[in-house]
Amino acid sequence: MPLQNIENGKEFSNEMKESFRKFEDLVGRRLPEKVEVELEKVIIESFDNEKYKDKGTSKWDDRKEEDPGRKLLIGKGSGKLRRSIEVSHTKTTIKASTDVVYAPVHNEGLRAGRGRGFNMPQRQFMPKPGEANDELDAKVEKWLDNEMDKIFD
């Protein structure tokens, strides 16, 4: 925002008001929407690619029994877990959730109740509560930098 051709501060004041209005819209509405969309992409890509998209994450462990062509974490034709994922936002919170009771067992690799000593291999498909996703953060940060430049340049 150039400060040239300003007479008595009026133009500056109007420009600043407009910039702040755009900034409030960016932070209060557009940023949470962008994070929601990008987080949902990360989760869907996890199921499609059979790995959680973040730096250094490798492909999920194969299942023990052979079932050619069937994706991991997709039940025999059901896809219940994948369909159950909901991503939502408020101005200050982005939330990814599911009501499928076995989701944490797969996402975190927990004891699965299949007999003594059996632990499900972790097949993470979404961030754990409080966990960052560096790739998602970098993508959103780049987008935010570009949007801020549009407002304040």
C-alpha atoms as a PDB file:
ATOM      1  CA  MET A   1       0.000   0.000   0.000  1.00  0.00           C
ATOM      2  CA  PRO A   2       1.902   3.082  -1.211  1.00  0.00           C
ATOM      3  CA  LEU A   3       1.847   6.138   1.019  1.00  0.00           C
ATOM      4  CA  GLN A   4       2.234   8.623  -1.825  1.00  0.00           C
ATOM      5  CA  ASN A   5      -0.412  11.166  -2.835  1.00  0.00           C
ATOM      6  CA  ILE A   6      -1.929  11.306   0.627  1.00  0.00           C
ATOM      7  CA  GLU A   7      -3.561  14.577   1.509  1.00  0.00           C
ATOM      8  CA  ASN A   8      -4.639  15.242   5.101  1.00  0.00           C
ATOM      9  CA  GLY A   9      -4.586  11.529   5.950  1.00  0.00           C
ATOM     10  CA  LYS A  10      -8.061  10.835   4.582  1.00  0.00           C
ATOM     11  CA  GLU A  11      -6.942   8.504   1.797  1.00  0.00           C
ATOM     12  CA  PHE A  12      -4.610   6.661   4.159  1.00  0.00           C
ATOM     13  CA  SER A  13      -7.414   6.170   6.656  1.00  0.00           C
ATOM     14  CA  ASN A  14      -9.802   4.800   4.019  1.00  0.00           C
ATOM     15  CA  GLU A  15      -7.107   2.523   2.597  1.00  0.00           C
ATOM     16  CA  MET A  16      -6.271   1.209   6.062  1.00  0.00           C
ATOM     17  CA  LYS A  17      -9.938   0.603   6.880  1.00  0.00           C
ATOM     18  CA  GLU A  18     -10.329  -1.384   3.666  1.00  0.00           C
ATOM     19  CA  SER A  19      -7.123  -3.341   4.339  1.00  0.00           C
ATOM     20  CA  PHE A  20      -8.275  -4.215   7.850  1.00  0.00           C
ATOM     21  CA  ARG A  21     -11.691  -5.279   6.546  1.00  0.00           C
ATOM     22  CA  LYS A  22      -9.976  -7.583   4.035  1.00  0.00           C
ATOM     23  CA  PHE A  23      -7.639  -8.872   6.749  1.00  0.00           C
ATOM     24  CA  GLU A  24     -10.551  -9.670   9.081  1.00  0.00           C
ATOM     25  CA  ASP A  25     -12.272 -11.540   6.254  1.00  0.00           C
ATOM     26  CA  LEU A  26      -9.065 -13.431   5.491  1.00  0.00           C
ATOM     27  CA  VAL A  27      -8.410 -14.513   9.069  1.00  0.00           C
ATOM     28  CA  GLY A  28     -12.006 -14.911  10.215  1.00  0.00           C
ATOM     29  CA  ARG A  29     -13.500 -16.670   7.198  1.00  0.00           C
ATOM     30  CA  ARG A  30     -11.177 -17.556   4.340  1.00  0.00           C
ATOM     31  CA  LEU A  31      -8.254 -18.993   6.345  1.00  0.00           C
ATOM     32  CA  PRO A  32     -10.371 -21.503   8.321  1.00  0.00           C
ATOM     33  CA  GLU A  33     -12.138 -22.507   5.088  1.00  0.00           C
ATOM     34  CA  LYS A  34      -8.768 -23.060   3.356  1.00  0.00           C
ATOM     35  CA  VAL A  35      -7.408 -25.156   6.233  1.00  0.00           C
ATOM     36  CA  GLU A  36     -10.604 -27.240   6.279  1.00  0.00           C
ATOM     37  CA  VAL A  37     -10.365 -27.947   2.538  1.00  0.00           C
ATOM     38  CA  GLU A  38      -6.651 -28.794   2.696  1.00  0.00           C
ATOM     39  CA  LEU A  39      -7.065 -31.025   5.769  1.00  0.00           C
ATOM     40  CA  GLU A  40      -9.869 -32.931   4.063  1.00  0.00           C
ATOM     41  CA  LYS A  41      -7.582 -33.450   1.033  1.00  0.00           C
ATOM     42  CA  VAL A  42      -4.825 -34.838   3.298  1.00  0.00           C
ATOM     43  CA  ILE A  43      -7.253 -37.337   4.854  1.00  0.00           C
ATOM     44  CA  ILE A  44      -8.761 -38.492   1.544  1.00  0.00           C
ATOM     45  CA  GLU A  45      -5.278 -38.821   0.009  1.00  0.00           C
ATOM     46  CA  SER A  46      -4.268 -40.953   2.994  1.00  0.00           C
ATOM     47  CA  PHE A  47      -6.925 -43.504   2.100  1.00  0.00           C
ATOM     48  CA  ASP A  48      -6.195 -43.280  -1.640  1.00  0.00           C
ATOM     49  CA  ASN A  49      -2.401 -43.553  -1.289  1.00  0.00           C
ATOM     50  CA  GLU A  50      -2.424 -45.829   1.767  1.00  0.00           C
ATOM     51  CA  LYS A  51      -0.129 -43.527   3.716  1.00  0.00           C
ATOM     52  CA  TYR A  52      -0.514 -40.400   5.812  1.00  0.00           C
ATOM     53  CA  LYS A  53       0.758 -37.353   3.981  1.00  0.00           C
ATOM     54  CA  ASP A  54       3.394 -35.713   6.133  1.00  0.00           C
ATOM     55  CA  LYS A  55       7.150 -35.536   5.972  1.00  0.00           C
ATOM     56  CA  GLY A  56       8.907 -38.848   6.443  1.00  0.00           C
ATOM     57  CA  THR A  57       5.771 -40.981   6.530  1.00  0.00           C
ATOM     58  CA  SER A  58       5.994 -44.297   4.738  1.00  0.00           C
ATOM     59  CA  LYS A  59       3.342 -46.481   3.172  1.00  0.00           C
ATOM     60  CA  TRP A  60       1.075 -48.387   5.563  1.00  0.00           C
ATOM     61  CA  ASP A  61       1.955 -51.973   6.478  1.00  0.00           C
ATOM     62  CA  ASP A  62       0.217 -54.543   4.283  1.00  0.00           C
ATOM     63  CA  ARG A  63      -2.541 -56.679   5.767  1.00  0.00           C
ATOM     64  CA  LYS A  64      -1.597 -60.217   6.678  1.00  0.00           C
ATOM     65  CA  GLU A  65      -4.115 -61.996   4.457  1.00  0.00           C
ATOM     66  CA  GLU A  66      -3.979 -61.589   0.705  1.00  0.00           C
ATOM     67  CA  ASP A  67      -6.813 -59.630  -0.847  1.00  0.00           C
ATOM     68  CA  PRO A  68      -5.590 -58.287  -4.183  1.00  0.00           C
ATOM     69  CA  GLY A  69      -7.046 -54.979  -5.256  1.00  0.00           C
ATOM     70  CA  ARG A  70      -8.655 -54.166  -1.906  1.00  0.00           C
ATOM     71  CA  LYS A  71      -7.352 -50.978  -0.355  1.00  0.00           C
ATOM     72  CA  LEU A  72      -6.268 -50.952   3.268  1.00  0.00           C
ATOM     73  CA  LEU A  73      -8.781 -49.539   5.761  1.00  0.00           C
ATOM     74  CA  ILE A  74     -11.571 -50.151   3.290  1.00  0.00           C
ATOM     75  CA  GLY A  75     -13.768 -52.920   4.628  1.00  0.00           C
ATOM     76  CA  LYS A  76     -15.075 -55.491   2.222  1.00  0.00           C
ATOM     77  CA  GLY A  77     -16.973 -53.051   0.062  1.00  0.00           C
ATOM     78  CA  SER A  78     -18.107 -50.817   2.907  1.00  0.00           C
ATOM     79  CA  GLY A  79     -15.719 -47.862   3.085  1.00  0.00           C
ATOM     80  CA  LYS A  80     -17.475 -46.906   6.318  1.00  0.00           C
ATOM     81  CA  LEU A  81     -14.401 -45.391   7.972  1.00  0.00           C
ATOM     82  CA  ARG A  82     -13.506 -43.197   5.012  1.00  0.00           C
ATOM     83  CA  ARG A  83     -17.084 -42.001   4.560  1.00  0.00           C
ATOM     84  CA  SER A  84     -17.405 -41.223   8.257  1.00  0.00           C
ATOM     85  CA  ILE A  85     -14.686 -38.554   8.310  1.00  0.00           C
ATOM     86  CA  GLU A  86     -16.042 -35.064   8.849  1.00  0.00           C
ATOM     87  CA  VAL A  87     -13.975 -31.903   8.703  1.00  0.00           C
ATOM     88  CA  SER A  88     -15.450 -28.656   9.976  1.00  0.00           C
ATOM     89  CA  HIS A  89     -14.341 -25.267  11.216  1.00  0.00           C
ATOM     90  CA  THR A  90     -15.231 -22.232  13.254  1.00  0.00           C
ATOM     91  CA  LYS A  91     -13.305 -18.962  13.209  1.00  0.00           C
ATOM     92  CA  THR A  92     -10.738 -20.383  15.630  1.00  0.00           C
ATOM     93  CA  THR A  93     -10.927 -24.188  15.331  1.00  0.00           C
ATOM     94  CA  ILE A  94     -10.507 -26.783  12.590  1.00  0.00           C
ATOM     95  CA  LYS A  95     -11.859 -30.207  13.530  1.00  0.00           C
ATOM     96  CA  ALA A  96     -11.504 -33.587  11.839  1.00  0.00           C
ATOM     97  CA  SER A  97     -13.623 -36.298  13.420  1.00  0.00           C
ATOM     98  CA  THR A  98     -15.281 -39.653  12.944  1.00  0.00           C
ATOM     99  CA  ASP A  99     -17.866 -41.571  14.925  1.00  0.00           C
ATOM    100  CA  VAL A 100     -16.438 -44.972  13.926  1.00  0.00           C
ATOM    101  CA  VAL A 101     -15.304 -46.577  17.184  1.00  0.00           C
ATOM    102  CA  TYR A 102     -12.340 -48.434  15.676  1.00  0.00           C
ATOM    103  CA  ALA A 103     -10.873 -45.325  13.972  1.00  0.00           C
ATOM    104  CA  PRO A 104      -8.372 -44.555  16.787  1.00  0.00           C
ATOM    105  CA  VAL A 105      -7.118 -48.146  16.718  1.00  0.00           C
ATOM    106  CA  HIS A 106      -6.087 -47.742  13.086  1.00  0.00           C
ATOM    107  CA  ASN A 107      -5.004 -44.099  13.266  1.00  0.00           C
ATOM    108  CA  GLU A 108      -2.820 -44.576  16.336  1.00  0.00           C
ATOM    109  CA  GLY A 109      -1.943 -48.280  16.155  1.00  0.00           C
ATOM    110  CA  LEU A 110      -3.504 -49.463  19.402  1.00  0.00           C
ATOM    111  CA  ARG A 111      -4.511 -52.745  20.958  1.00  0.00           C
ATOM    112  CA  ALA A 112      -7.380 -54.017  18.874  1.00  0.00           C
ATOM    113  CA  GLY A 113      -9.055 -56.677  21.009  1.00  0.00           C
ATOM    114  CA  ARG A 114      -8.207 -59.538  18.652  1.00  0.00           C
ATOM    115  CA  GLY A 115      -6.638 -61.652  21.288  1.00  0.00           C
ATOM    116  CA  ARG A 116      -3.969 -61.298  23.847  1.00  0.00           C
ATOM    117  CA  GLY A 117      -1.041 -59.178  22.789  1.00  0.00           C
ATOM    118  CA  PHE A 118      -2.372 -58.155  19.377  1.00  0.00           C
ATOM    119  CA  ASN A 119      -1.605 -54.583  18.416  1.00  0.00           C
ATOM    120  CA  MET A 120      -2.979 -53.131  15.204  1.00  0.00           C
ATOM    121  CA  PRO A 121      -0.226 -51.634  13.063  1.00  0.00           C
ATOM    122  CA  GLN A 122      -0.621 -47.874  12.853  1.00  0.00           C
ATOM    123  CA  ARG A 123      -2.203 -46.744   9.614  1.00  0.00           C
ATOM    124  CA  GLN A 124      -2.551 -43.056  10.288  1.00  0.00           C
ATOM    125  CA  PHE A 125      -5.024 -41.261   8.034  1.00  0.00           C
ATOM    126  CA  MET A 126      -5.538 -37.990   9.914  1.00  0.00           C
ATOM    127  CA  PRO A 127      -3.659 -35.876  12.461  1.00  0.00           C
ATOM    128  CA  LYS A 128      -3.883 -36.954  16.072  1.00  0.00           C
ATOM    129  CA  PRO A 129      -5.361 -34.352  18.433  1.00  0.00           C
ATOM    130  CA  GLY A 130      -2.819 -31.594  18.986  1.00  0.00           C
ATOM    131  CA  GLU A 131      -0.481 -32.934  16.288  1.00  0.00           C
ATOM    132  CA  ALA A 132       0.736 -30.697  13.482  1.00  0.00           C
ATOM    133  CA  ASN A 133       1.090 -31.731   9.868  1.00  0.00           C
ATOM    134  CA  ASP A 134       4.161 -29.973   8.476  1.00  0.00           C
ATOM    135  CA  GLU A 135       3.145 -30.386   4.837  1.00  0.00           C
ATOM    136  CA  LEU A 136      -0.337 -29.005   5.460  1.00  0.00           C
ATOM    137  CA  ASP A 137       1.073 -26.150   7.548  1.00  0.00           C
ATOM    138  CA  ALA A 138       3.563 -25.207   4.822  1.00  0.00           C
ATOM    139  CA  LYS A 139       0.883 -25.235   2.108  1.00  0.00           C
ATOM    140  CA  VAL A 140      -1.475 -23.051   4.139  1.00  0.00           C
ATOM    141  CA  GLU A 141       1.335 -20.713   5.191  1.00  0.00           C
ATOM    142  CA  LYS A 142       2.342 -20.170   1.557  1.00  0.00           C
ATOM    143  CA  TRP A 143      -1.271 -19.472   0.607  1.00  0.00           C
ATOM    144  CA  LEU A 144      -1.647 -17.089   3.561  1.00  0.00           C
ATOM    145  CA  ASP A 145       1.539 -15.209   2.640  1.00  0.00           C
ATOM    146  CA  ASN A 146       0.218 -14.694  -0.899  1.00  0.00           C
ATOM    147  CA  GLU A 147      -3.167 -13.515   0.370  1.00  0.00           C
ATOM    148  CA  MET A 148      -1.535 -11.110   2.853  1.00  0.00           C
ATOM    149  CA  ASP A 149       0.617  -9.682   0.069  1.00  0.00           C
ATOM    150  CA  LYS A 150      -2.547  -8.969  -1.947  1.00  0.00           C
ATOM    151  CA  ILE A 151      -4.004  -7.032   0.974  1.00  0.00           C
ATOM    152  CA  PHE A 152      -0.990  -5.081   2.194  1.00  0.00           C
ATOM    153  CA  ASP A 153       1.118  -4.499  -0.936  1.00  0.00           C
END
